[in-house]
Amino acid sequence: MMAEPVRLIVGLGNPGPEYDATRHNAGVWYVDALARAQGIFLNEDKKYFGATGTFTFEGETIRLLVPTTYMNRSGQSTSALANFFKIPVTQMLVAHDELDLPPGVARFKQGGGHGGHNGLRDIVARHGNSKDFYRLRIGIGHPGSAQLVTPHVLNKPSAADRELIERAIDEAVRFTPDMLRGEFSHAMNGLNGFRA
């Protein structure tokens, strides 16, 4: 059975050079990798509170978005763009860092809660409490204690972990065309079998 095809891909993170290389920006790394693969650049667009770019895939326009709000206001950006272009929440893929997966693992997911992730929480709230968007969960590992989560996500991974994360992102990029076709099960099963 075909799922909804993806028309908007969002990479979550925090703006500014001090955050670029931090674990919380893993979603941005995925969108940047996708843009590089398509040979396009993202440009700041204040209407959408983010940096955007487009490419064409099998005759359809695919939009990329990196919110330039802070993480906890990501939905301000996604809702502005999705509403303007009339993209339903069911055709949105949100890439984000995931504490519950180790570096080197990434997973596509459809729907679900926000799991305490502030970016996902704001997106759900700003899209009429709908949780029905796709997610790309990019493993960053858990520091082992709730008290350590904030410094963990706001710091840079080790070089070895960064390489593992980037390999998982490259694999997610490889399966993204399936998401654009609405072949969710194929993309999910393919990516689930990968571990860097």
C-alpha atoms as a PDB file:
ATOM      1  CA  MET A   1       0.000   0.000   0.000  1.00  0.00           C
ATOM      2  CA  MET A   2       1.300   3.439  -0.932  1.00  0.00           C
ATOM      3  CA  ALA A   3       1.747   6.016   1.803  1.00  0.00           C
ATOM      4  CA  GLU A   4       1.617   9.781   1.255  1.00  0.00           C
ATOM      5  CA  PRO A   5       4.535  11.038  -0.859  1.00  0.00           C
ATOM      6  CA  VAL A   6       6.849  13.524   0.873  1.00  0.00           C
ATOM      7  CA  ARG A   7       6.795  17.088  -0.517  1.00  0.00           C
ATOM      8  CA  LEU A   8       8.452  19.027   2.333  1.00  0.00           C
ATOM      9  CA  ILE A   9      11.636  17.941   4.115  1.00  0.00           C
ATOM     10  CA  VAL A  10      12.622  19.789   7.280  1.00  0.00           C
ATOM     11  CA  GLY A  11      15.931  19.608   9.143  1.00  0.00           C
ATOM     12  CA  LEU A  12      15.783  20.649  12.793  1.00  0.00           C
ATOM     13  CA  GLY A  13      18.538  22.474  14.622  1.00  0.00           C
ATOM     14  CA  ASN A  14      19.532  25.763  16.187  1.00  0.00           C
ATOM     15  CA  PRO A  15      20.718  28.752  14.115  1.00  0.00           C
ATOM     16  CA  GLY A  16      24.164  30.301  14.274  1.00  0.00           C
ATOM     17  CA  PRO A  17      27.754  29.075  13.888  1.00  0.00           C
ATOM     18  CA  GLU A  18      28.065  28.131  17.568  1.00  0.00           C
ATOM     19  CA  TYR A  19      25.463  25.379  17.030  1.00  0.00           C
ATOM     20  CA  ASP A  20      26.391  24.154  13.539  1.00  0.00           C
ATOM     21  CA  ALA A  21      28.464  21.179  14.669  1.00  0.00           C
ATOM     22  CA  THR A  22      26.391  20.226  17.739  1.00  0.00           C
ATOM     23  CA  ARG A  23      24.411  16.997  18.014  1.00  0.00           C
ATOM     24  CA  HIS A  24      21.079  18.890  18.156  1.00  0.00           C
ATOM     25  CA  ASN A  25      21.716  19.962  14.535  1.00  0.00           C
ATOM     26  CA  ALA A  26      21.804  16.429  13.107  1.00  0.00           C
ATOM     27  CA  GLY A  27      18.543  17.130  11.238  1.00  0.00           C
ATOM     28  CA  VAL A  28      20.176  20.109   9.539  1.00  0.00           C
ATOM     29  CA  TRP A  29      23.118  17.907   8.522  1.00  0.00           C
ATOM     30  CA  TYR A  30      20.691  15.588   6.727  1.00  0.00           C
ATOM     31  CA  VAL A  31      18.995  18.412   4.790  1.00  0.00           C
ATOM     32  CA  ASP A  32      22.414  19.863   3.921  1.00  0.00           C
ATOM     33  CA  ALA A  33      23.507  16.426   2.627  1.00  0.00           C
ATOM     34  CA  LEU A  34      20.315  16.157   0.589  1.00  0.00           C
ATOM     35  CA  ALA A  35      20.848  19.640  -0.876  1.00  0.00           C
ATOM     36  CA  ARG A  36      24.423  18.734  -1.823  1.00  0.00           C
ATOM     37  CA  ALA A  37      23.219  15.524  -3.485  1.00  0.00           C
ATOM     38  CA  GLN A  38      20.755  17.580  -5.536  1.00  0.00           C
ATOM     39  CA  GLY A  39      23.303  20.305  -6.326  1.00  0.00           C
ATOM     40  CA  ILE A  40      21.199  23.068  -4.758  1.00  0.00           C
ATOM     41  CA  PHE A  41      21.696  25.744  -2.108  1.00  0.00           C
ATOM     42  CA  LEU A  42      19.365  26.836   0.660  1.00  0.00           C
ATOM     43  CA  ASN A  43      18.620  30.552   0.876  1.00  0.00           C
ATOM     44  CA  GLU A  44      17.257  32.485   3.825  1.00  0.00           C
ATOM     45  CA  ASP A  45      13.588  33.409   3.383  1.00  0.00           C
ATOM     46  CA  LYS A  46      12.188  35.533   6.191  1.00  0.00           C
ATOM     47  CA  LYS A  47       8.581  34.730   5.158  1.00  0.00           C
ATOM     48  CA  TYR A  48       9.156  31.165   6.302  1.00  0.00           C
ATOM     49  CA  PHE A  49      11.518  31.873   9.220  1.00  0.00           C
ATOM     50  CA  GLY A  50      14.102  29.605   7.648  1.00  0.00           C
ATOM     51  CA  ALA A  51      16.429  28.706   4.813  1.00  0.00           C
ATOM     52  CA  THR A  52      14.716  27.022   1.870  1.00  0.00           C
ATOM     53  CA  GLY A  53      15.474  25.374  -1.429  1.00  0.00           C
ATOM     54  CA  THR A  54      13.635  23.327  -4.032  1.00  0.00           C
ATOM     55  CA  PHE A  55      14.380  20.561  -6.480  1.00  0.00           C
ATOM     56  CA  THR A  56      12.282  18.556  -8.895  1.00  0.00           C
ATOM     57  CA  PHE A  57      11.832  14.823  -8.464  1.00  0.00           C
ATOM     58  CA  GLU A  58       9.897  12.840 -11.071  1.00  0.00           C
ATOM     59  CA  GLY A  59       8.006  15.973 -12.049  1.00  0.00           C
ATOM     60  CA  GLU A  60       7.139  17.053  -8.492  1.00  0.00           C
ATOM     61  CA  THR A  61       8.522  20.053  -6.607  1.00  0.00           C
ATOM     62  CA  ILE A  62      10.230  19.035  -3.364  1.00  0.00           C
ATOM     63  CA  ARG A  63      10.877  21.742  -0.782  1.00  0.00           C
ATOM     64  CA  LEU A  64      13.699  21.712   1.749  1.00  0.00           C
ATOM     65  CA  LEU A  65      13.511  23.794   4.907  1.00  0.00           C
ATOM     66  CA  VAL A  66      15.894  24.515   7.768  1.00  0.00           C
ATOM     67  CA  PRO A  67      14.123  26.672  10.363  1.00  0.00           C
ATOM     68  CA  THR A  68      16.229  29.606  11.568  1.00  0.00           C
ATOM     69  CA  THR A  69      14.103  29.997  14.669  1.00  0.00           C
ATOM     70  CA  TYR A  70      15.487  28.286  17.723  1.00  0.00           C
ATOM     71  CA  MET A  71      14.613  24.621  18.109  1.00  0.00           C
ATOM     72  CA  ASN A  72      11.635  25.198  20.420  1.00  0.00           C
ATOM     73  CA  ARG A  73       9.961  27.406  17.783  1.00  0.00           C
ATOM     74  CA  SER A  74      10.519  25.121  14.769  1.00  0.00           C
ATOM     75  CA  GLY A  75       6.777  24.896  14.107  1.00  0.00           C
ATOM     76  CA  GLN A  76       6.606  28.619  13.381  1.00  0.00           C
ATOM     77  CA  SER A  77       8.735  27.942  10.311  1.00  0.00           C
ATOM     78  CA  THR A  78       7.181  24.641   9.176  1.00  0.00           C
ATOM     79  CA  SER A  79       3.617  25.938   9.495  1.00  0.00           C
ATOM     80  CA  ALA A  80       4.396  29.159   7.601  1.00  0.00           C
ATOM     81  CA  LEU A  81       5.803  27.274   4.609  1.00  0.00           C
ATOM     82  CA  ALA A  82       3.362  24.357   4.658  1.00  0.00           C
ATOM     83  CA  ASN A  83       0.358  26.673   4.904  1.00  0.00           C
ATOM     84  CA  PHE A  84       1.564  28.916   2.077  1.00  0.00           C
ATOM     85  CA  PHE A  85       2.197  26.026  -0.333  1.00  0.00           C
ATOM     86  CA  LYS A  86      -0.790  24.000   0.932  1.00  0.00           C
ATOM     87  CA  ILE A  87       1.366  21.014   1.857  1.00  0.00           C
ATOM     88  CA  PRO A  88      -0.536  18.722   4.235  1.00  0.00           C
ATOM     89  CA  VAL A  89       1.221  17.613   7.395  1.00  0.00           C
ATOM     90  CA  THR A  90       1.038  14.015   6.099  1.00  0.00           C
ATOM     91  CA  GLN A  91       3.471  14.993   3.298  1.00  0.00           C
ATOM     92  CA  MET A  92       6.107  16.448   5.620  1.00  0.00           C
ATOM     93  CA  LEU A  93       9.311  14.667   6.706  1.00  0.00           C
ATOM     94  CA  VAL A  94      11.044  16.105   9.777  1.00  0.00           C
ATOM     95  CA  ALA A  95      14.663  15.076  10.424  1.00  0.00           C
ATOM     96  CA  HIS A  96      15.877  15.370  14.012  1.00  0.00           C
ATOM     97  CA  ASP A  97      18.457  14.116  16.496  1.00  0.00           C
ATOM     98  CA  GLU A  98      17.389  11.056  18.479  1.00  0.00           C
ATOM     99  CA  LEU A  99      18.763  10.231  21.942  1.00  0.00           C
ATOM    100  CA  ASP A 100      17.310   6.713  21.916  1.00  0.00           C
ATOM    101  CA  LEU A 101      19.382   5.553  18.934  1.00  0.00           C
ATOM    102  CA  PRO A 102      23.188   5.208  18.895  1.00  0.00           C
ATOM    103  CA  PRO A 103      25.387   7.116  16.434  1.00  0.00           C
ATOM    104  CA  GLY A 104      25.478   5.269  13.136  1.00  0.00           C
ATOM    105  CA  VAL A 105      21.781   4.390  13.188  1.00  0.00           C
ATOM    106  CA  ALA A 106      18.904   6.325  11.591  1.00  0.00           C
ATOM    107  CA  ARG A 107      15.252   5.349  11.261  1.00  0.00           C
ATOM    108  CA  PHE A 108      12.266   6.583   9.280  1.00  0.00           C
ATOM    109  CA  LYS A 109       9.058   6.711  11.299  1.00  0.00           C
ATOM    110  CA  GLN A 110       5.472   7.694  10.580  1.00  0.00           C
ATOM    111  CA  GLY A 111       3.570   9.616  13.273  1.00  0.00           C
ATOM    112  CA  GLY A 112       4.022   9.204  17.015  1.00  0.00           C
ATOM    113  CA  GLY A 113       4.615  11.539  19.936  1.00  0.00           C
ATOM    114  CA  HIS A 114       7.319  14.157  20.397  1.00  0.00           C
ATOM    115  CA  GLY A 115       9.299  12.084  22.915  1.00  0.00           C
ATOM    116  CA  GLY A 116      10.310  15.223  24.797  1.00  0.00           C
ATOM    117  CA  HIS A 117      11.982  16.733  21.714  1.00  0.00           C
ATOM    118  CA  ASN A 118      11.226  20.467  21.780  1.00  0.00           C
ATOM    119  CA  GLY A 119      11.338  20.878  18.012  1.00  0.00           C
ATOM    120  CA  LEU A 120       8.834  18.081  17.435  1.00  0.00           C
ATOM    121  CA  ARG A 121       6.662  19.360  20.297  1.00  0.00           C
ATOM    122  CA  ASP A 122       6.345  22.797  18.659  1.00  0.00           C
ATOM    123  CA  ILE A 123       5.668  21.336  15.215  1.00  0.00           C
ATOM    124  CA  VAL A 124       2.842  19.194  16.584  1.00  0.00           C
ATOM    125  CA  ALA A 125       1.373  22.219  18.379  1.00  0.00           C
ATOM    126  CA  ARG A 126       1.613  24.503  15.330  1.00  0.00           C
ATOM    127  CA  HIS A 127       0.023  21.983  12.967  1.00  0.00           C
ATOM    128  CA  GLY A 128      -3.259  21.622  14.847  1.00  0.00           C
ATOM    129  CA  ASN A 129      -1.864  18.974  17.218  1.00  0.00           C
ATOM    130  CA  SER A 130      -1.399  16.620  14.269  1.00  0.00           C
ATOM    131  CA  LYS A 131       1.346  14.034  14.797  1.00  0.00           C
ATOM    132  CA  ASP A 132       0.860  12.461  11.368  1.00  0.00           C
ATOM    133  CA  PHE A 133       4.092  13.650   9.750  1.00  0.00           C
ATOM    134  CA  TYR A 134       7.037  11.431   8.869  1.00  0.00           C
ATOM    135  CA  ARG A 135      10.208  11.617  10.919  1.00  0.00           C
ATOM    136  CA  LEU A 136      13.826  10.745  10.272  1.00  0.00           C
ATOM    137  CA  ARG A 137      15.339   9.901  13.668  1.00  0.00           C
ATOM    138  CA  ILE A 138      19.120  10.345  13.544  1.00  0.00           C
ATOM    139  CA  GLY A 139      20.881   8.582  16.405  1.00  0.00           C
ATOM    140  CA  ILE A 140      23.162  10.661  18.619  1.00  0.00           C
ATOM    141  CA  GLY A 141      23.225   8.334  21.642  1.00  0.00           C
ATOM    142  CA  HIS A 142      22.123   9.031  25.208  1.00  0.00           C
ATOM    143  CA  PRO A 143      24.536  10.407  27.831  1.00  0.00           C
ATOM    144  CA  GLY A 144      23.101   8.019  30.440  1.00  0.00           C
ATOM    145  CA  SER A 145      21.455  10.559  32.723  1.00  0.00           C
ATOM    146  CA  ALA A 146      18.568  12.996  32.216  1.00  0.00           C
ATOM    147  CA  GLN A 147      20.645  15.761  33.809  1.00  0.00           C
ATOM    148  CA  LEU A 148      23.269  15.370  31.091  1.00  0.00           C
ATOM    149  CA  VAL A 149      20.900  15.515  28.105  1.00  0.00           C
ATOM    150  CA  THR A 150      21.025  19.291  27.529  1.00  0.00           C
ATOM    151  CA  PRO A 151      24.838  19.570  27.508  1.00  0.00           C
ATOM    152  CA  HIS A 152      24.991  16.380  25.419  1.00  0.00           C
ATOM    153  CA  VAL A 153      22.761  17.663  22.617  1.00  0.00           C
ATOM    154  CA  LEU A 154      24.322  21.151  22.661  1.00  0.00           C
ATOM    155  CA  ASN A 155      27.889  19.858  22.369  1.00  0.00           C
ATOM    156  CA  LYS A 156      29.815  18.458  19.428  1.00  0.00           C
ATOM    157  CA  PRO A 157      30.111  14.694  19.022  1.00  0.00           C
ATOM    158  CA  SER A 158      33.543  13.115  18.946  1.00  0.00           C
ATOM    159  CA  ALA A 159      35.140  12.796  15.513  1.00  0.00           C
ATOM    160  CA  ALA A 160      34.381   9.065  15.541  1.00  0.00           C
ATOM    161  CA  ASP A 161      30.717   9.628  16.439  1.00  0.00           C
ATOM    162  CA  ARG A 162      30.373  12.402  13.859  1.00  0.00           C
ATOM    163  CA  GLU A 163      31.635  10.004  11.183  1.00  0.00           C
ATOM    164  CA  LEU A 164      29.097   7.372  12.269  1.00  0.00           C
ATOM    165  CA  ILE A 165      26.279   9.928  12.231  1.00  0.00           C
ATOM    166  CA  GLU A 166      27.270  11.131   8.769  1.00  0.00           C
ATOM    167  CA  ARG A 167      27.344   7.572   7.427  1.00  0.00           C
ATOM    168  CA  ALA A 168      23.807   7.014   8.746  1.00  0.00           C
ATOM    169  CA  ILE A 169      22.729  10.316   7.149  1.00  0.00           C
ATOM    170  CA  ASP A 170      24.239   9.273   3.810  1.00  0.00           C
ATOM    171  CA  GLU A 171      22.229   6.054   3.980  1.00  0.00           C
ATOM    172  CA  ALA A 172      19.060   8.031   4.781  1.00  0.00           C
ATOM    173  CA  VAL A 173      19.742  10.234   1.741  1.00  0.00           C
ATOM    174  CA  ARG A 174      20.018   7.069  -0.353  1.00  0.00           C
ATOM    175  CA  PHE A 175      16.514   5.957   0.701  1.00  0.00           C
ATOM    176  CA  THR A 176      14.916   9.414   0.506  1.00  0.00           C
ATOM    177  CA  PRO A 177      13.685   8.915  -3.097  1.00  0.00           C
ATOM    178  CA  ASP A 178      11.431   6.121  -1.788  1.00  0.00           C
ATOM    179  CA  MET A 179       9.896   8.622   0.649  1.00  0.00           C
ATOM    180  CA  LEU A 180       9.311  11.051  -2.202  1.00  0.00           C
ATOM    181  CA  ARG A 181       7.446   8.327  -4.107  1.00  0.00           C
ATOM    182  CA  GLY A 182       5.325   7.380  -1.108  1.00  0.00           C
ATOM    183  CA  GLU A 183       7.112   4.030  -0.735  1.00  0.00           C
ATOM    184  CA  PHE A 184       7.431   4.384   3.029  1.00  0.00           C
ATOM    185  CA  SER A 185       7.714   0.684   3.866  1.00  0.00           C
ATOM    186  CA  HIS A 186      10.572   0.198   1.414  1.00  0.00           C
ATOM    187  CA  ALA A 187      12.435   3.237   2.764  1.00  0.00           C
ATOM    188  CA  MET A 188      11.843   2.230   6.377  1.00  0.00           C
ATOM    189  CA  ASN A 189      12.877  -1.400   5.905  1.00  0.00           C
ATOM    190  CA  GLY A 190      15.939  -0.437   3.877  1.00  0.00           C
ATOM    191  CA  LEU A 191      17.199   2.097   6.397  1.00  0.00           C
ATOM    192  CA  ASN A 192      16.334  -0.086   9.385  1.00  0.00           C
ATOM    193  CA  GLY A 193      18.758  -2.692   8.142  1.00  0.00           C
ATOM    194  CA  PHE A 194      21.697  -0.275   8.209  1.00  0.00           C
ATOM    195  CA  ARG A 195      24.140   0.276  11.031  1.00  0.00           C
ATOM    196  CA  ALA A 196      27.409   2.123  10.444  1.00  0.00           C
END
